[in-house]
């Protein structure tokens, strides 16, 4: 099961997050999302656990629990939604042209 974790302290590492969840069962991966520009933590991430029962127990126990001085927000991750791309020519930006100012 994939678990969404929010309110992660900026100083926390993926290994620390993994160890925090490992008390409830096997953690297959732990990922803290980083800002592409600053390379600093965005304060949320995902933990994947091998067993759904262990994952549900971790969610119930760790949601609102203290982790390095902050209360975590923990719940089952929802599947990613398809979002429109902002890279196409579908709006915004600079427009050429204008109006004629002749008298």
Protein backbone atom coordinates (compact mmCIF):
# COMPACT_ATOMS: atom_id res chain seq x y z
CA UNK A 1 0.00 0.00 0.00
CA UNK A 2 1.18 3.50 -0.83
CA UNK A 3 0.85 5.98 2.06
CA UNK A 4 0.81 9.79 1.77
CA UNK A 5 2.68 11.57 4.57
CA UNK A 6 2.44 15.35 5.08
CA UNK A 7 3.92 17.82 7.57
CA UNK A 8 7.33 16.15 7.41
CA UNK A 9 10.04 18.30 9.04
CA UNK A 10 12.45 19.80 6.51
CA UNK A 11 15.45 18.30 8.30
CA UNK A 12 14.06 14.73 8.14
CA UNK A 13 15.69 12.20 5.83
CA UNK A 14 14.10 9.38 3.86
CA UNK A 15 15.95 6.85 6.03
CA UNK A 16 14.48 8.41 9.19
CA UNK A 17 10.99 8.36 7.69
CA UNK A 18 11.44 4.74 6.65
CA UNK A 19 12.60 3.76 10.15
CA UNK A 20 9.61 5.55 11.71
CA UNK A 21 7.18 3.42 9.66
CA UNK A 22 9.23 0.22 9.96
CA UNK A 23 7.97 -0.23 13.53
CA UNK A 24 4.68 -1.37 11.93
CA UNK A 25 6.01 -3.68 9.23
CA UNK A 26 8.16 -3.96 6.12
CA UNK A 27 8.70 -0.66 4.33
CA UNK A 28 9.55 -1.17 0.67
CA UNK A 29 10.28 2.51 -0.03
CA UNK A 30 10.17 5.98 1.52
CA UNK A 31 10.38 9.12 -0.62
CA UNK A 32 10.40 12.75 0.50
CA UNK A 33 9.41 15.09 -2.35
CA UNK A 34 12.02 17.76 -3.06
CA UNK A 35 11.58 21.16 -4.68
CA UNK A 36 13.18 21.11 -8.14
CA UNK A 37 14.60 24.61 -7.85
CA UNK A 38 15.81 24.85 -4.24
CA UNK A 39 16.44 21.11 -3.68
CA UNK A 40 14.78 21.44 -0.25
CA UNK A 41 12.06 19.22 1.12
CA UNK A 42 8.51 20.24 0.21
CA UNK A 43 7.31 18.78 3.53
CA UNK A 44 5.48 15.75 2.18
CA UNK A 45 6.27 12.34 0.79
CA UNK A 46 5.21 8.74 0.30
CA UNK A 47 5.90 5.52 2.14
CA UNK A 48 5.17 2.17 0.54
CA UNK A 49 4.54 -0.84 2.77
CA UNK A 50 4.44 -4.47 1.64
CA UNK A 51 1.44 -5.52 3.76
CA UNK A 52 -1.90 -3.66 3.66
CA UNK A 53 -2.73 -4.64 7.24
CA UNK A 54 0.55 -3.22 8.54
CA UNK A 55 0.04 -0.11 6.43
CA UNK A 56 -3.44 0.48 7.89
CA UNK A 57 -2.05 0.05 11.40
CA UNK A 58 0.73 2.54 10.63
CA UNK A 59 -1.80 5.05 9.26
CA UNK A 60 -4.02 4.72 12.34
CA UNK A 61 -1.09 5.01 14.75
CA UNK A 62 1.01 7.70 13.06
CA UNK A 63 -1.66 10.12 11.83
CA UNK A 64 -1.30 13.09 14.19
CA UNK A 65 1.73 11.54 15.94
CA UNK A 66 4.89 13.52 16.65
CA UNK A 67 7.84 13.07 14.29
CA UNK A 68 10.86 15.27 15.03
CA UNK A 69 8.68 17.93 16.61
CA UNK A 70 5.87 18.02 14.03
CA UNK A 71 2.56 16.15 13.94
CA UNK A 72 2.39 14.01 10.81
CA UNK A 73 -0.65 13.82 8.54
CA UNK A 74 -0.83 10.23 7.33
CA UNK A 75 -3.40 8.58 5.05
CA UNK A 76 -3.71 6.21 2.13
CA UNK A 77 -2.37 7.76 -1.05
CA UNK A 78 -4.88 8.33 -3.82
CA UNK A 79 -3.97 7.49 -7.41
CA UNK A 80 -2.49 10.39 -9.38
CA UNK A 81 -5.03 12.31 -11.40
CA UNK A 82 -4.32 13.26 -14.98
CA UNK A 83 -3.79 16.99 -14.92
CA UNK A 84 -3.63 19.22 -17.98
CA UNK A 85 -0.15 20.08 -19.12
CA UNK A 86 0.86 23.73 -18.94
CA UNK A 87 3.49 23.29 -21.63
CA UNK A 88 1.21 23.42 -24.63
CA UNK A 89 -0.23 26.41 -26.46
CA UNK A 90 -3.43 26.34 -24.48
CA UNK A 91 -3.59 29.73 -22.87
CA UNK A 92 -1.72 32.49 -21.11
CA UNK A 93 1.45 34.11 -22.21
CA UNK A 94 2.31 37.03 -24.46
CA UNK A 95 0.01 37.99 -27.31
CA UNK A 96 1.26 39.74 -30.39
CA UNK A 97 -0.77 42.23 -32.27
CA UNK A 98 -2.87 45.03 -30.98
CA UNK A 99 -4.75 47.95 -32.37
CA UNK A 100 -4.07 50.74 -34.78
CA UNK A 101 -3.54 54.14 -33.11
CA UNK A 102 -4.08 56.21 -36.23
CA UNK A 103 -6.29 59.18 -35.80
